[in-house]
Amino acid sequence: MKTIKLLLLIPFIGVLCFLPMANRVEPYVLGLPFLLFWITSWMVLSSVILAVVYKFDPDNKRSDTK
């Protein structure tokens, strides 16, 4: 497994492992309850992490055209 692909574990850990600690309504962040803000921010961060993995993964550099 490439080391860059280990970044894909970050959203998994952030959402599943830390979700019980974030399970509260207050404080409100950007007008959202904290839990909703937590889940929404991890969706955005997951997209950023996926883009970074795609950009730096050497398997994506190969061309499949013949």
PDB file of N, CA and C in Angstrom:
ATOM      1  N   MET A   1       0.851  -1.179   0.000  1.00  0.00           N
ATOM      2  CA  MET A   1       0.000   0.000   0.000  1.00  0.00           C
ATOM      3  C   MET A   1       0.892   1.235   0.000  1.00  0.00           C
ATOM      4  N   LYS A   2       0.557   2.171  -0.811  1.00  0.00           N
ATOM      5  CA  LYS A   2       1.314   3.410  -0.881  1.00  0.00           C
ATOM      6  C   LYS A   2       1.038   4.249   0.365  1.00  0.00           C
ATOM      7  N   THR A   3       2.037   4.981   0.797  1.00  0.00           N
ATOM      8  CA  THR A   3       1.871   5.773   2.017  1.00  0.00           C
ATOM      9  C   THR A   3       0.880   6.910   1.830  1.00  0.00           C
ATOM     10  N   ILE A   4       0.744   7.421   0.614  1.00  0.00           N
ATOM     11  CA  ILE A   4      -0.206   8.509   0.381  1.00  0.00           C
ATOM     12  C   ILE A   4      -1.638   8.037   0.595  1.00  0.00           C
ATOM     13  N   LYS A   5      -1.877   6.762   0.373  1.00  0.00           N
ATOM     14  CA  LYS A   5      -3.224   6.236   0.542  1.00  0.00           C
ATOM     15  C   LYS A   5      -3.617   6.089   2.009  1.00  0.00           C
ATOM     16  N   LEU A   6      -2.644   6.197   2.900  1.00  0.00           N
ATOM     17  CA  LEU A   6      -2.966   6.174   4.324  1.00  0.00           C
ATOM     18  C   LEU A   6      -3.744   7.418   4.749  1.00  0.00           C
ATOM     19  N   LEU A   7      -3.666   8.473   3.942  1.00  0.00           N
ATOM     20  CA  LEU A   7      -4.460   9.665   4.225  1.00  0.00           C
ATOM     21  C   LEU A   7      -5.956   9.386   4.175  1.00  0.00           C
ATOM     22  N   LEU A   8      -6.341   8.339   3.471  1.00  0.00           N
ATOM     23  CA  LEU A   8      -7.750   8.006   3.360  1.00  0.00           C
ATOM     24  C   LEU A   8      -8.338   7.517   4.678  1.00  0.00           C
ATOM     25  N   LEU A   9      -7.504   7.189   5.623  1.00  0.00           N
ATOM     26  CA  LEU A   9      -7.989   6.774   6.940  1.00  0.00           C
ATOM     27  C   LEU A   9      -8.420   7.960   7.804  1.00  0.00           C
ATOM     28  N   ILE A  10      -7.951   9.142   7.493  1.00  0.00           N
ATOM     29  CA  ILE A  10      -8.259  10.314   8.306  1.00  0.00           C
ATOM     30  C   ILE A  10      -9.764  10.608   8.360  1.00  0.00           C
ATOM     31  N   PRO A  11     -10.479  10.663   7.223  1.00  0.00           N
ATOM     32  CA  PRO A  11     -11.929  10.904   7.327  1.00  0.00           C
ATOM     33  C   PRO A  11     -12.659   9.786   8.057  1.00  0.00           C
ATOM     34  N   PHE A  12     -12.229   8.570   7.856  1.00  0.00           N
ATOM     35  CA  PHE A  12     -12.854   7.441   8.536  1.00  0.00           C
ATOM     36  C   PHE A  12     -12.726   7.580  10.049  1.00  0.00           C
ATOM     37  N   ILE A  13     -11.539   7.900  10.500  1.00  0.00           N
ATOM     38  CA  ILE A  13     -11.301   8.067  11.930  1.00  0.00           C
ATOM     39  C   ILE A  13     -12.031   9.299  12.455  1.00  0.00           C
ATOM     40  N   GLY A  14     -11.989  10.383  11.697  1.00  0.00           N
ATOM     41  CA  GLY A  14     -12.619  11.622  12.143  1.00  0.00           C
ATOM     42  C   GLY A  14     -14.116  11.518  12.286  1.00  0.00           C
ATOM     43  N   VAL A  15     -14.757  10.820  11.390  1.00  0.00           N
ATOM     44  CA  VAL A  15     -16.215  10.719  11.441  1.00  0.00           C
ATOM     45  C   VAL A  15     -16.652   9.640  12.416  1.00  0.00           C
ATOM     46  N   LEU A  16     -16.098   8.468  12.323  1.00  0.00           N
ATOM     47  CA  LEU A  16     -16.601   7.368  13.138  1.00  0.00           C
ATOM     48  C   LEU A  16     -16.073   7.365  14.569  1.00  0.00           C
ATOM     49  N   CYS A  17     -14.825   7.700  14.757  1.00  0.00           N
ATOM     50  CA  CYS A  17     -14.254   7.598  16.098  1.00  0.00           C
ATOM     51  C   CYS A  17     -14.546   8.822  16.959  1.00  0.00           C
ATOM     52  N   PHE A  18     -14.559  10.005  16.351  1.00  0.00           N
ATOM     53  CA  PHE A  18     -14.761  11.219  17.132  1.00  0.00           C
ATOM     54  C   PHE A  18     -16.195  11.713  17.112  1.00  0.00           C
ATOM     55  N   LEU A  19     -17.072  11.038  16.408  1.00  0.00           N
ATOM     56  CA  LEU A  19     -18.465  11.462  16.345  1.00  0.00           C
ATOM     57  C   LEU A  19     -19.151  11.415  17.707  1.00  0.00           C
ATOM     58  N   PRO A  20     -18.931  10.402  18.539  1.00  0.00           N
ATOM     59  CA  PRO A  20     -19.579  10.437  19.863  1.00  0.00           C
ATOM     60  C   PRO A  20     -19.158  11.634  20.720  1.00  0.00           C
ATOM     61  N   MET A  21     -17.946  12.125  20.550  1.00  0.00           N
ATOM     62  CA  MET A  21     -17.520  13.304  21.301  1.00  0.00           C
ATOM     63  C   MET A  21     -18.156  14.576  20.755  1.00  0.00           C
ATOM     64  N   ALA A  22     -18.524  14.577  19.489  1.00  0.00           N
ATOM     65  CA  ALA A  22     -19.118  15.756  18.868  1.00  0.00           C
ATOM     66  C   ALA A  22     -20.636  15.733  18.933  1.00  0.00           C
ATOM     67  N   ASN A  23     -21.211  14.742  19.555  1.00  0.00           N
ATOM     68  CA  ASN A  23     -22.660  14.589  19.597  1.00  0.00           C
ATOM     69  C   ASN A  23     -23.269  15.535  20.634  1.00  0.00           C
ATOM     70  N   ARG A  24     -23.425  16.782  20.232  1.00  0.00           N
ATOM     71  CA  ARG A  24     -24.058  17.798  21.070  1.00  0.00           C
ATOM     72  C   ARG A  24     -24.635  18.881  20.177  1.00  0.00           C
ATOM     73  N   VAL A  25     -25.566  19.616  20.704  1.00  0.00           N
ATOM     74  CA  VAL A  25     -26.234  20.645  19.918  1.00  0.00           C
ATOM     75  C   VAL A  25     -25.474  21.957  19.998  1.00  0.00           C
ATOM     76  N   GLU A  26     -25.076  22.336  21.186  1.00  0.00           N
ATOM     77  CA  GLU A  26     -24.395  23.615  21.340  1.00  0.00           C
ATOM     78  C   GLU A  26     -22.899  23.394  21.448  1.00  0.00           C
ATOM     79  N   PRO A  27     -22.078  24.208  20.970  1.00  0.00           N
ATOM     80  CA  PRO A  27     -22.315  25.541  20.450  1.00  0.00           C
ATOM     81  C   PRO A  27     -22.785  25.503  19.008  1.00  0.00           C
ATOM     82  N   TYR A  28     -23.381  26.586  18.576  1.00  0.00           N
ATOM     83  CA  TYR A  28     -23.768  26.728  17.183  1.00  0.00           C
ATOM     84  C   TYR A  28     -22.590  27.294  16.414  1.00  0.00           C
ATOM     85  N   VAL A  29     -22.283  26.678  15.292  1.00  0.00           N
ATOM     86  CA  VAL A  29     -21.181  27.126  14.443  1.00  0.00           C
ATOM     87  C   VAL A  29     -21.766  27.449  13.077  1.00  0.00           C
ATOM     88  N   LEU A  30     -21.603  28.698  12.664  1.00  0.00           N
ATOM     89  CA  LEU A  30     -22.171  29.184  11.402  1.00  0.00           C
ATOM     90  C   LEU A  30     -23.681  28.935  11.340  1.00  0.00           C
ATOM     91  N   GLY A  31     -24.338  29.018  12.466  1.00  0.00           N
ATOM     92  CA  GLY A  31     -25.783  28.839  12.528  1.00  0.00           C
ATOM     93  C   GLY A  31     -26.233  27.390  12.543  1.00  0.00           C
ATOM     94  N   LEU A  32     -25.301  26.464  12.552  1.00  0.00           N
ATOM     95  CA  LEU A  32     -25.630  25.039  12.563  1.00  0.00           C
ATOM     96  C   LEU A  32     -25.349  24.459  13.942  1.00  0.00           C
ATOM     97  N   PRO A  33     -26.147  23.492  14.361  1.00  0.00           N
ATOM     98  CA  PRO A  33     -25.761  22.771  15.579  1.00  0.00           C
ATOM     99  C   PRO A  33     -24.402  22.104  15.364  1.00  0.00           C
ATOM    100  N   PHE A  34     -23.674  21.917  16.444  1.00  0.00           N
ATOM    101  CA  PHE A  34     -22.294  21.444  16.327  1.00  0.00           C
ATOM    102  C   PHE A  34     -22.193  20.113  15.597  1.00  0.00           C
ATOM    103  N   LEU A  35     -23.111  19.186  15.857  1.00  0.00           N
ATOM    104  CA  LEU A  35     -23.043  17.877  15.205  1.00  0.00           C
ATOM    105  C   LEU A  35     -23.210  17.995  13.693  1.00  0.00           C
ATOM    106  N   LEU A  36     -24.146  18.823  13.261  1.00  0.00           N
ATOM    107  CA  LEU A  36     -24.346  19.016  11.820  1.00  0.00           C
ATOM    108  C   LEU A  36     -23.138  19.700  11.186  1.00  0.00           C
ATOM    109  N   PHE A  37     -22.570  20.669  11.900  1.00  0.00           N
ATOM    110  CA  PHE A  37     -21.356  21.312  11.405  1.00  0.00           C
ATOM    111  C   PHE A  37     -20.207  20.315  11.319  1.00  0.00           C
ATOM    112  N   TRP A  38     -20.088  19.430  12.308  1.00  0.00           N
ATOM    113  CA  TRP A  38     -19.027  18.416  12.331  1.00  0.00           C
ATOM    114  C   TRP A  38     -19.116  17.510  11.105  1.00  0.00           C
ATOM    115  N   ILE A  39     -20.308  17.008  10.830  1.00  0.00           N
ATOM    116  CA  ILE A  39     -20.497  16.093   9.703  1.00  0.00           C
ATOM    117  C   ILE A  39     -20.263  16.811   8.376  1.00  0.00           C
ATOM    118  N   THR A  40     -20.775  18.036   8.265  1.00  0.00           N
ATOM    119  CA  THR A  40     -20.596  18.807   7.031  1.00  0.00           C
ATOM    120  C   THR A  40     -19.128  19.138   6.783  1.00  0.00           C
ATOM    121  N   SER A  41     -18.420  19.523   7.835  1.00  0.00           N
ATOM    122  CA  SER A  41     -17.004  19.850   7.650  1.00  0.00           C
ATOM    123  C   SER A  41     -16.195  18.616   7.268  1.00  0.00           C
ATOM    124  N   TRP A  42     -16.556  17.436   7.782  1.00  0.00           N
ATOM    125  CA  TRP A  42     -15.836  16.224   7.382  1.00  0.00           C
ATOM    126  C   TRP A  42     -16.151  15.833   5.944  1.00  0.00           C
ATOM    127  N   MET A  43     -17.327  16.172   5.465  1.00  0.00           N
ATOM    128  CA  MET A  43     -17.617  15.912   4.045  1.00  0.00           C
ATOM    129  C   MET A  43     -16.710  16.758   3.157  1.00  0.00           C
ATOM    130  N   VAL A  44     -16.538  18.018   3.523  1.00  0.00           N
ATOM    131  CA  VAL A  44     -15.668  18.905   2.749  1.00  0.00           C
ATOM    132  C   VAL A  44     -14.210  18.459   2.872  1.00  0.00           C
ATOM    133  N   LEU A  45     -13.771  18.150   4.091  1.00  0.00           N
ATOM    134  CA  LEU A  45     -12.394  17.695   4.286  1.00  0.00           C
ATOM    135  C   LEU A  45     -12.119  16.372   3.571  1.00  0.00           C
ATOM    136  N   SER A  46     -13.108  15.504   3.518  1.00  0.00           N
ATOM    137  CA  SER A  46     -12.934  14.232   2.804  1.00  0.00           C
ATOM    138  C   SER A  46     -12.712  14.475   1.317  1.00  0.00           C
ATOM    139  N   SER A  47     -13.429  15.430   0.760  1.00  0.00           N
ATOM    140  CA  SER A  47     -13.229  15.760  -0.657  1.00  0.00           C
ATOM    141  C   SER A  47     -11.840  16.313  -0.906  1.00  0.00           C
ATOM    142  N   VAL A  48     -11.367  17.148  -0.003  1.00  0.00           N
ATOM    143  CA  VAL A  48     -10.020  17.709  -0.146  1.00  0.00           C
ATOM    144  C   VAL A  48      -8.968  16.608  -0.032  1.00  0.00           C
ATOM    145  N   ILE A  49      -9.145  15.711   0.912  1.00  0.00           N
ATOM    146  CA  ILE A  49      -8.191  14.618   1.090  1.00  0.00           C
ATOM    147  C   ILE A  49      -8.196  13.690  -0.124  1.00  0.00           C
ATOM    148  N   LEU A  50      -9.363  13.413  -0.667  1.00  0.00           N
ATOM    149  CA  LEU A  50      -9.430  12.583  -1.875  1.00  0.00           C
ATOM    150  C   LEU A  50      -8.724  13.251  -3.054  1.00  0.00           C
ATOM    151  N   ALA A  51      -8.866  14.567  -3.178  1.00  0.00           N
ATOM    152  CA  ALA A  51      -8.189  15.288  -4.256  1.00  0.00           C
ATOM    153  C   ALA A  51      -6.675  15.231  -4.079  1.00  0.00           C
ATOM    154  N   VAL A  52      -6.199  15.351  -2.853  1.00  0.00           N
ATOM    155  CA  VAL A  52      -4.754  15.282  -2.589  1.00  0.00           C
ATOM    156  C   VAL A  52      -4.225  13.889  -2.904  1.00  0.00           C
ATOM    157  N   VAL A  53      -4.955  12.868  -2.491  1.00  0.00           N
ATOM    158  CA  VAL A  53      -4.518  11.493  -2.776  1.00  0.00           C
ATOM    159  C   VAL A  53      -4.501  11.245  -4.278  1.00  0.00           C
ATOM    160  N   TYR A  54      -5.514  11.716  -4.982  1.00  0.00           N
ATOM    161  CA  TYR A  54      -5.552  11.532  -6.437  1.00  0.00           C
ATOM    162  C   TYR A  54      -4.393  12.257  -7.113  1.00  0.00           C
ATOM    163  N   LYS A  55      -4.078  13.453  -6.640  1.00  0.00           N
ATOM    164  CA  LYS A  55      -3.023  14.248  -7.263  1.00  0.00           C
ATOM    165  C   LYS A  55      -1.644  13.625  -7.066  1.00  0.00           C
ATOM    166  N   PHE A  56      -1.367  13.082  -5.875  1.00  0.00           N
ATOM    167  CA  PHE A  56      -0.028  12.611  -5.557  1.00  0.00           C
ATOM    168  C   PHE A  56       0.152  11.101  -5.636  1.00  0.00           C
ATOM    169  N   ASP A  57      -0.885  10.375  -5.988  1.00  0.00           N
ATOM    170  CA  ASP A  57      -0.765   8.925  -6.100  1.00  0.00           C
ATOM    171  C   ASP A  57      -0.056   8.571  -7.401  1.00  0.00           C
ATOM    172  N   PRO A  58       1.035   7.832  -7.337  1.00  0.00           N
ATOM    173  CA  PRO A  58       1.774   7.513  -8.564  1.00  0.00           C
ATOM    174  C   PRO A  58       0.998   6.585  -9.503  1.00  0.00           C
ATOM    175  N   ASP A  59       0.014   5.863  -9.006  1.00  0.00           N
ATOM    176  CA  ASP A  59      -0.775   4.996  -9.881  1.00  0.00           C
ATOM    177  C   ASP A  59      -1.599   5.792 -10.883  1.00  0.00           C
ATOM    178  N   ASN A  60      -1.893   7.047 -10.599  1.00  0.00           N
ATOM    179  CA  ASN A  60      -2.681   7.874 -11.504  1.00  0.00           C
ATOM    180  C   ASN A  60      -1.825   8.491 -12.607  1.00  0.00           C
ATOM    181  N   LYS A  61      -0.541   8.361 -12.528  1.00  0.00           N
ATOM    182  CA  LYS A  61       0.354   8.956 -13.538  1.00  0.00           C
ATOM    183  C   LYS A  61       0.442   8.087 -14.790  1.00  0.00           C
ATOM    184  N   ARG A  62       0.141   6.806 -14.630  1.00  0.00           N
ATOM    185  CA  ARG A  62       0.247   5.897 -15.778  1.00  0.00           C
ATOM    186  C   ARG A  62      -0.863   6.151 -16.767  1.00  0.00           C
ATOM    187  N   SER A  63      -0.574   5.944 -18.014  1.00  0.00           N
ATOM    188  CA  SER A  63      -1.565   6.098 -19.067  1.00  0.00           C
ATOM    189  C   SER A  63      -2.076   4.717 -19.487  1.00  0.00           C
ATOM    190  N   ASP A  64      -3.395   4.568 -19.587  1.00  0.00           N
ATOM    191  CA  ASP A  64      -3.985   3.304 -20.000  1.00  0.00           C
ATOM    192  C   ASP A  64      -4.278   3.261 -21.499  1.00  0.00           C
ATOM    193  N   THR A  65      -3.959   4.315 -22.218  1.00  0.00           N
ATOM    194  CA  THR A  65      -4.210   4.324 -23.662  1.00  0.00           C
ATOM    195  C   THR A  65      -3.161   3.499 -24.375  1.00  0.00           C
ATOM    196  N   LYS A  66      -3.588   2.864 -25.455  1.00  0.00           N
ATOM    197  CA  LYS A  66      -2.663   2.003 -26.220  1.00  0.00           C
ATOM    198  C   LYS A  66      -2.486   2.523 -27.613  1.00  0.00           C
TER     199      LYS A  66
END
